[in-house]
Each structure stands twice: as structure tokens, then as C-alpha cells.
Amino acid sequence: MASLVGEFVEKLVEGALREVLKKTTGRTTTRRRKRQARSATTGRFVRKKTTAARKPARKQVSKRRTAAKRSKQRSR
């Protein structure tokens, strides 16, 4: 009787483990594919021309006036 219960519990745990492991085997989201561009004249697939690399943004500079500029503005 005890071996029957032990076997039942063992099968139950084994089944649950298998179920959990089955679900966690690297599921990733599907990627959407972009449509390929076709040539207007020939109708064949054409590689898109790559644009030039963009320049990085300019470093922000403080716009605070210097003492000389403030005094010049005060005199106006």
C-alpha cells in the first residue's frame, strides 16, 4: 500500500516537472519581417541604399552670460 502511494506521488511530481520544463524551453517572440523593396522598372528585389551614419548630437553648452556681456547689456 505504501509503495503504491509512493509510486503515485512520484509519477505526479515527475509529470508536473516535465510540464514545467516543457514550457520554459526558450520561447522568444516572433520578429516581424519587413517587406522587400522591388525595383519599379524590373520588378526584382533591390537592396536598399544605406544612409550615411548620423553625426552625434552637439554637446550642450551653457548659455549663461559672462560678466563682460552682462555689463555691456546693462549699459544699453
PDB file of N, CA and C in Angstrom:
ATOM      1  N   MET A   1       0.831  -1.193   0.000  1.00  0.00           N
ATOM      2  CA  MET A   1       0.000   0.000   0.000  1.00  0.00           C
ATOM      3  C   MET A   1       0.876   1.258   0.000  1.00  0.00           C
ATOM      4  N   ALA A   2       1.932   1.259   0.852  1.00  0.00           N
ATOM      5  CA  ALA A   2       2.815   2.428   0.934  1.00  0.00           C
ATOM      6  C   ALA A   2       3.569   2.625  -0.371  1.00  0.00           C
ATOM      7  N   SER A   3       3.980   1.524  -1.007  1.00  0.00           N
ATOM      8  CA  SER A   3       4.696   1.642  -2.273  1.00  0.00           C
ATOM      9  C   SER A   3       3.786   2.160  -3.372  1.00  0.00           C
ATOM     10  N   LEU A   4       2.493   1.817  -3.284  1.00  0.00           N
ATOM     11  CA  LEU A   4       1.514   2.287  -4.266  1.00  0.00           C
ATOM     12  C   LEU A   4       1.335   3.802  -4.166  1.00  0.00           C
ATOM     13  N   VAL A   5       1.243   4.300  -2.928  1.00  0.00           N
ATOM     14  CA  VAL A   5       1.107   5.738  -2.695  1.00  0.00           C
ATOM     15  C   VAL A   5       2.389   6.461  -3.118  1.00  0.00           C
ATOM     16  N   GLY A   6       3.541   5.882  -2.778  1.00  0.00           N
ATOM     17  CA  GLY A   6       4.828   6.471  -3.137  1.00  0.00           C
ATOM     18  C   GLY A   6       4.996   6.557  -4.646  1.00  0.00           C
ATOM     19  N   GLU A   7       4.579   5.494  -5.340  1.00  0.00           N
ATOM     20  CA  GLU A   7       4.665   5.469  -6.799  1.00  0.00           C
ATOM     21  C   GLU A   7       3.743   6.522  -7.418  1.00  0.00           C
ATOM     22  N   PHE A   8       2.542   6.651  -6.833  1.00  0.00           N
ATOM     23  CA  PHE A   8       1.577   7.632  -7.316  1.00  0.00           C
ATOM     24  C   PHE A   8       2.119   9.056  -7.169  1.00  0.00           C
ATOM     25  N   VAL A   9       2.701   9.352  -6.006  1.00  0.00           N
ATOM     26  CA  VAL A   9       3.267  10.686  -5.746  1.00  0.00           C
ATOM     27  C   VAL A   9       4.448  10.937  -6.675  1.00  0.00           C
ATOM     28  N   GLU A  10       5.276   9.917  -6.882  1.00  0.00           N
ATOM     29  CA  GLU A  10       6.448  10.047  -7.751  1.00  0.00           C
ATOM     30  C   GLU A  10       6.023  10.378  -9.191  1.00  0.00           C
ATOM     31  N   LYS A  11       5.007   9.666  -9.674  1.00  0.00           N
ATOM     32  CA  LYS A  11       4.501   9.913 -11.036  1.00  0.00           C
ATOM     33  C   LYS A  11       3.910  11.314 -11.158  1.00  0.00           C
ATOM     34  N   LEU A  12       3.214  11.734 -10.101  1.00  0.00           N
ATOM     35  CA  LEU A  12       2.595  13.059 -10.096  1.00  0.00           C
ATOM     36  C   LEU A  12       3.656  14.156 -10.161  1.00  0.00           C
ATOM     37  N   VAL A  13       4.705  14.038  -9.344  1.00  0.00           N
ATOM     38  CA  VAL A  13       5.795  15.021  -9.313  1.00  0.00           C
ATOM     39  C   VAL A  13       6.550  15.013 -10.636  1.00  0.00           C
ATOM     40  N   GLU A  14       6.816  13.830 -11.154  1.00  0.00           N
ATOM     41  CA  GLU A  14       7.533  13.705 -12.423  1.00  0.00           C
ATOM     42  C   GLU A  14       6.751  14.360 -13.562  1.00  0.00           C
ATOM     43  N   GLY A  15       5.444  14.156 -13.586  1.00  0.00           N
ATOM     44  CA  GLY A  15       4.586  14.755 -14.612  1.00  0.00           C
ATOM     45  C   GLY A  15       4.563  16.273 -14.509  1.00  0.00           C
ATOM     46  N   ALA A  16       4.483  16.767 -13.268  1.00  0.00           N
ATOM     47  CA  ALA A  16       4.449  18.218 -13.046  1.00  0.00           C
ATOM     48  C   ALA A  16       5.773  18.856 -13.474  1.00  0.00           C
ATOM     49  N   LEU A  17       6.898  18.189 -13.119  1.00  0.00           N
ATOM     50  CA  LEU A  17       8.215  18.701 -13.512  1.00  0.00           C
ATOM     51  C   LEU A  17       8.359  18.740 -15.028  1.00  0.00           C
ATOM     52  N   ARG A  18       7.922  17.686 -15.681  1.00  0.00           N
ATOM     53  CA  ARG A  18       8.021  17.617 -17.135  1.00  0.00           C
ATOM     54  C   ARG A  18       7.195  18.741 -17.771  1.00  0.00           C
ATOM     55  N   GLU A  19       6.024  18.998 -17.189  1.00  0.00           N
ATOM     56  CA  GLU A  19       5.141  20.053 -17.710  1.00  0.00           C
ATOM     57  C   GLU A  19       5.793  21.431 -17.571  1.00  0.00           C
ATOM     58  N   VAL A  20       6.408  21.665 -16.412  1.00  0.00           N
ATOM     59  CA  VAL A  20       7.056  22.959 -16.172  1.00  0.00           C
ATOM     60  C   VAL A  20       8.247  23.137 -17.096  1.00  0.00           C
ATOM     61  N   LEU A  21       9.068  22.104 -17.217  1.00  0.00           N
ATOM     62  CA  LEU A  21      10.260  22.208 -18.050  1.00  0.00           C
ATOM     63  C   LEU A  21       9.919  22.324 -19.526  1.00  0.00           C
ATOM     64  N   LYS A  22       8.823  21.754 -19.931  1.00  0.00           N
ATOM     65  CA  LYS A  22       8.411  21.818 -21.329  1.00  0.00           C
ATOM     66  C   LYS A  22       8.086  23.254 -21.726  1.00  0.00           C
ATOM     67  N   LYS A  23       7.511  24.000 -20.798  1.00  0.00           N
ATOM     68  CA  LYS A  23       7.079  25.370 -21.100  1.00  0.00           C
ATOM     69  C   LYS A  23       8.220  26.381 -21.079  1.00  0.00           C
ATOM     70  N   THR A  24       9.324  26.052 -20.437  1.00  0.00           N
ATOM     71  CA  THR A  24      10.377  27.049 -20.263  1.00  0.00           C
ATOM     72  C   THR A  24      11.541  26.858 -21.222  1.00  0.00           C
ATOM     73  N   THR A  25      11.331  26.184 -22.333  1.00  0.00           N
ATOM     74  CA  THR A  25      12.451  25.951 -23.243  1.00  0.00           C
ATOM     75  C   THR A  25      12.545  27.068 -24.267  1.00  0.00           C
ATOM     76  N   GLY A  26      13.070  28.207 -23.857  1.00  0.00           N
ATOM     77  CA  GLY A  26      13.447  29.306 -24.737  1.00  0.00           C
ATOM     78  C   GLY A  26      12.383  29.809 -25.685  1.00  0.00           C
ATOM     79  N   ARG A  27      11.300  30.268 -25.159  1.00  0.00           N
ATOM     80  CA  ARG A  27      10.290  30.861 -26.030  1.00  0.00           C
ATOM     81  C   ARG A  27      10.632  32.315 -26.274  1.00  0.00           C
ATOM     82  N   THR A  28      10.749  32.685 -27.530  1.00  0.00           N
ATOM     83  CA  THR A  28      11.028  34.080 -27.861  1.00  0.00           C
ATOM     84  C   THR A  28       9.912  34.598 -28.742  1.00  0.00           C
ATOM     85  N   THR A  29       9.781  35.897 -28.761  1.00  0.00           N
ATOM     86  CA  THR A  29       8.731  36.500 -29.581  1.00  0.00           C
ATOM     87  C   THR A  29       9.116  36.393 -31.047  1.00  0.00           C
ATOM     88  N   THR A  30       8.126  36.307 -31.885  1.00  0.00           N
ATOM     89  CA  THR A  30       8.401  36.224 -33.318  1.00  0.00           C
ATOM     90  C   THR A  30       8.678  37.621 -33.842  1.00  0.00           C
ATOM     91  N   ARG A  31       9.650  37.709 -34.728  1.00  0.00           N
ATOM     92  CA  ARG A  31      10.015  39.007 -35.272  1.00  0.00           C
ATOM     93  C   ARG A  31       9.247  39.265 -36.549  1.00  0.00           C
ATOM     94  N   ARG A  32       8.793  40.475 -36.710  1.00  0.00           N
ATOM     95  CA  ARG A  32       8.102  40.840 -37.937  1.00  0.00           C
ATOM     96  C   ARG A  32       9.126  41.094 -39.024  1.00  0.00           C
ATOM     97  N   ARG A  33       8.840  40.609 -40.209  1.00  0.00           N
ATOM     98  CA  ARG A  33       9.750  40.809 -41.333  1.00  0.00           C
ATOM     99  C   ARG A  33       9.270  41.983 -42.157  1.00  0.00           C
ATOM    100  N   LYS A  34      10.208  42.827 -42.542  1.00  0.00           N
ATOM    101  CA  LYS A  34       9.868  43.958 -43.394  1.00  0.00           C
ATOM    102  C   LYS A  34       9.763  43.483 -44.824  1.00  0.00           C
ATOM    103  N   ARG A  35       8.889  44.108 -45.575  1.00  0.00           N
ATOM    104  CA  ARG A  35       8.735  43.738 -46.974  1.00  0.00           C
ATOM    105  C   ARG A  35       9.944  44.197 -47.754  1.00  0.00           C
ATOM    106  N   GLN A  36      10.352  43.394 -48.720  1.00  0.00           N
ATOM    107  CA  GLN A  36      11.492  43.761 -49.540  1.00  0.00           C
ATOM    108  C   GLN A  36      11.031  44.745 -50.611  1.00  0.00           C
ATOM    109  N   ALA A  37      11.883  45.715 -50.876  1.00  0.00           N
ATOM    110  CA  ALA A  37      11.562  46.710 -51.889  1.00  0.00           C
ATOM    111  C   ALA A  37      11.822  46.117 -53.270  1.00  0.00           C
ATOM    112  N   ARG A  38      10.903  46.379 -54.191  1.00  0.00           N
ATOM    113  CA  ARG A  38      11.073  45.903 -55.563  1.00  0.00           C
ATOM    114  C   ARG A  38      11.393  47.085 -56.461  1.00  0.00           C
ATOM    115  N   SER A  39      12.175  46.825 -57.457  1.00  0.00           N
ATOM    116  CA  SER A  39      12.507  47.855 -58.430  1.00  0.00           C
ATOM    117  C   SER A  39      11.265  48.174 -59.249  1.00  0.00           C
ATOM    118  N   ALA A  40      11.039  49.457 -59.533  1.00  0.00           N
ATOM    119  CA  ALA A  40       9.864  49.861 -60.299  1.00  0.00           C
ATOM    120  C   ALA A  40       9.967  49.421 -61.751  1.00  0.00           C
ATOM    121  N   THR A  41      11.190  49.350 -62.271  1.00  0.00           N
ATOM    122  CA  THR A  41      11.358  49.023 -63.690  1.00  0.00           C
ATOM    123  C   THR A  41      11.445  47.522 -63.930  1.00  0.00           C
ATOM    124  N   THR A  42      12.275  46.817 -63.188  1.00  0.00           N
ATOM    125  CA  THR A  42      12.486  45.400 -63.457  1.00  0.00           C
ATOM    126  C   THR A  42      11.597  44.500 -62.610  1.00  0.00           C
ATOM    127  N   GLY A  43      11.141  44.981 -61.473  1.00  0.00           N
ATOM    128  CA  GLY A  43      10.309  44.168 -60.600  1.00  0.00           C
ATOM    129  C   GLY A  43      11.097  43.220 -59.721  1.00  0.00           C
ATOM    130  N   ARG A  44      12.416  43.263 -59.820  1.00  0.00           N
ATOM    131  CA  ARG A  44      13.253  42.395 -58.986  1.00  0.00           C
ATOM    132  C   ARG A  44      13.513  43.058 -57.640  1.00  0.00           C
ATOM    133  N   PHE A  45      13.933  42.233 -56.695  1.00  0.00           N
ATOM    134  CA  PHE A  45      14.249  42.778 -55.370  1.00  0.00           C
ATOM    135  C   PHE A  45      15.534  43.596 -55.440  1.00  0.00           C
ATOM    136  N   VAL A  46      15.497  44.733 -54.803  1.00  0.00           N
ATOM    137  CA  VAL A  46      16.631  45.644 -54.830  1.00  0.00           C
ATOM    138  C   VAL A  46      17.073  45.884 -53.398  1.00  0.00           C
ATOM    139  N   ARG A  47      18.371  45.935 -53.193  1.00  0.00           N
ATOM    140  CA  ARG A  47      18.880  46.256 -51.865  1.00  0.00           C
ATOM    141  C   ARG A  47      18.671  47.736 -51.604  1.00  0.00           C
ATOM    142  N   LYS A  48      18.204  48.035 -50.405  1.00  0.00           N
ATOM    143  CA  LYS A  48      18.013  49.438 -50.049  1.00  0.00           C
ATOM    144  C   LYS A  48      19.373  50.076 -49.825  1.00  0.00           C
ATOM    145  N   LYS A  49      19.511  51.302 -50.286  1.00  0.00           N
ATOM    146  CA  LYS A  49      20.770  52.022 -50.099  1.00  0.00           C
ATOM    147  C   LYS A  49      20.864  52.463 -48.648  1.00  0.00           C
ATOM    148  N   THR A  50      22.010  52.216 -48.052  1.00  0.00           N
ATOM    149  CA  THR A  50      22.180  52.616 -46.657  1.00  0.00           C
ATOM    150  C   THR A  50      22.509  54.100 -46.595  1.00  0.00           C
ATOM    151  N   THR A  51      21.902  54.761 -45.657  1.00  0.00           N
ATOM    152  CA  THR A  51      22.157  56.192 -45.485  1.00  0.00           C
ATOM    153  C   THR A  51      23.457  56.388 -44.717  1.00  0.00           C
ATOM    154  N   ALA A  52      24.039  57.555 -44.880  1.00  0.00           N
ATOM    155  CA  ALA A  52      25.289  57.867 -44.184  1.00  0.00           C
ATOM    156  C   ALA A  52      25.031  57.884 -42.680  1.00  0.00           C
ATOM    157  N   ALA A  53      26.037  57.510 -41.919  1.00  0.00           N
ATOM    158  CA  ALA A  53      25.900  57.474 -40.464  1.00  0.00           C
ATOM    159  C   ALA A  53      25.639  58.886 -39.948  1.00  0.00           C
ATOM    160  N   ARG A  54      24.697  58.992 -39.023  1.00  0.00           N
ATOM    161  CA  ARG A  54      24.342  60.301 -38.486  1.00  0.00           C
ATOM    162  C   ARG A  54      25.419  60.807 -37.548  1.00  0.00           C
ATOM    163  N   LYS A  55      25.621  62.115 -37.575  1.00  0.00           N
ATOM    164  CA  LYS A  55      26.601  62.721 -36.684  1.00  0.00           C
ATOM    165  C   LYS A  55      26.034  62.750 -35.269  1.00  0.00           C
ATOM    166  N   PRO A  56      26.877  62.577 -34.265  1.00  0.00           N
ATOM    167  CA  PRO A  56      26.361  62.639 -32.901  1.00  0.00           C
ATOM    168  C   PRO A  56      25.918  64.054 -32.551  1.00  0.00           C
ATOM    169  N   ALA A  57      25.007  64.161 -31.621  1.00  0.00           N
ATOM    170  CA  ALA A  57      24.469  65.456 -31.226  1.00  0.00           C
ATOM    171  C   ALA A  57      25.569  66.328 -30.632  1.00  0.00           C
ATOM    172  N   ARG A  58      25.430  67.610 -30.840  1.00  0.00           N
ATOM    173  CA  ARG A  58      26.437  68.531 -30.284  1.00  0.00           C
ATOM    174  C   ARG A  58      26.333  68.576 -28.779  1.00  0.00           C
ATOM    175  N   LYS A  59      27.452  68.797 -28.161  1.00  0.00           N
ATOM    176  CA  LYS A  59      27.495  68.884 -26.711  1.00  0.00           C
ATOM    177  C   LYS A  59      26.778  70.160 -26.280  1.00  0.00           C
ATOM    178  N   GLN A  60      25.961  70.058 -25.255  1.00  0.00           N
ATOM    179  CA  GLN A  60      25.225  71.229 -24.797  1.00  0.00           C
ATOM    180  C   GLN A  60      26.175  72.193 -24.086  1.00  0.00           C
ATOM    181  N   VAL A  61      26.024  73.449 -24.424  1.00  0.00           N
ATOM    182  CA  VAL A  61      26.892  74.484 -23.864  1.00  0.00           C
ATOM    183  C   VAL A  61      26.038  75.418 -23.027  1.00  0.00           C
ATOM    184  N   SER A  62      26.563  75.839 -21.904  1.00  0.00           N
ATOM    185  CA  SER A  62      25.828  76.746 -21.041  1.00  0.00           C
ATOM    186  C   SER A  62      25.670  78.092 -21.737  1.00  0.00           C
ATOM    187  N   LYS A  63      24.468  78.639 -21.681  1.00  0.00           N
ATOM    188  CA  LYS A  63      24.188  79.912 -22.334  1.00  0.00           C
ATOM    189  C   LYS A  63      24.313  81.094 -21.364  1.00  0.00           C
ATOM    190  N   ARG A  64      24.850  80.847 -20.199  1.00  0.00           N
ATOM    191  CA  ARG A  64      24.948  81.914 -19.203  1.00  0.00           C
ATOM    192  C   ARG A  64      25.926  82.977 -19.673  1.00  0.00           C
ATOM    193  N   ARG A  65      25.548  84.238 -19.500  1.00  0.00           N
ATOM    194  CA  ARG A  65      26.389  85.347 -19.969  1.00  0.00           C
ATOM    195  C   ARG A  65      27.597  85.536 -19.070  1.00  0.00           C
ATOM    196  N   THR A  66      28.670  85.990 -19.676  1.00  0.00           N
ATOM    197  CA  THR A  66      29.867  86.310 -18.897  1.00  0.00           C
ATOM    198  C   THR A  66      29.670  87.671 -18.252  1.00  0.00           C
ATOM    199  N   ALA A  67      30.537  88.011 -17.327  1.00  0.00           N
ATOM    200  CA  ALA A  67      30.417  89.295 -16.617  1.00  0.00           C
ATOM    201  C   ALA A  67      30.539  90.453 -17.598  1.00  0.00           C
ATOM    202  N   ALA A  68      31.422  90.343 -18.578  1.00  0.00           N
ATOM    203  CA  ALA A  68      31.608  91.422 -19.557  1.00  0.00           C
ATOM    204  C   ALA A  68      30.341  91.619 -20.386  1.00  0.00           C
ATOM    205  N   LYS A  69      29.706  90.551 -20.794  1.00  0.00           N
ATOM    206  CA  LYS A  69      28.488  90.653 -21.596  1.00  0.00           C
ATOM    207  C   LYS A  69      27.352  91.255 -20.782  1.00  0.00           C
ATOM    208  N   ARG A  70      27.290  90.892 -19.485  1.00  0.00           N
ATOM    209  CA  ARG A  70      26.212  91.446 -18.647  1.00  0.00           C
ATOM    210  C   ARG A  70      26.388  92.946 -18.475  1.00  0.00           C
ATOM    211  N   SER A  71      27.608  93.387 -18.264  1.00  0.00           N
ATOM    212  CA  SER A  71      27.837  94.815 -18.061  1.00  0.00           C
ATOM    213  C   SER A  71      27.568  95.585 -19.367  1.00  0.00           C
ATOM    214  N   LYS A  72      27.886  94.952 -20.496  1.00  0.00           N
ATOM    215  CA  LYS A  72      27.635  95.620 -21.777  1.00  0.00           C
ATOM    216  C   LYS A  72      26.132  95.760 -22.010  1.00  0.00           C
ATOM    217  N   GLN A  73      25.354  94.750 -21.600  1.00  0.00           N
ATOM    218  CA  GLN A  73      23.913  94.803 -21.779  1.00  0.00           C
ATOM    219  C   GLN A  73      23.292  95.841 -20.843  1.00  0.00           C
ATOM    220  N   ARG A  74      23.848  95.977 -19.623  1.00  0.00           N
ATOM    221  CA  ARG A  74      23.338  96.931 -18.661  1.00  0.00           C
ATOM    222  C   ARG A  74      23.499  98.358 -19.164  1.00  0.00           C
ATOM    223  N   SER A  75      24.570  98.597 -19.919  1.00  0.00           N
ATOM    224  CA  SER A  75      24.842  99.953 -20.390  1.00  0.00           C
ATOM    225  C   SER A  75      23.921 100.344 -21.551  1.00  0.00           C
ATOM    226  N   ARG A  76      23.264  99.425 -22.164  1.00  0.00           N
ATOM    227  CA  ARG A  76      22.358  99.750 -23.285  1.00  0.00           C
ATOM    228  C   ARG A  76      21.110 100.427 -22.851  1.00  0.00           C
TER     229      ARG A  76
END
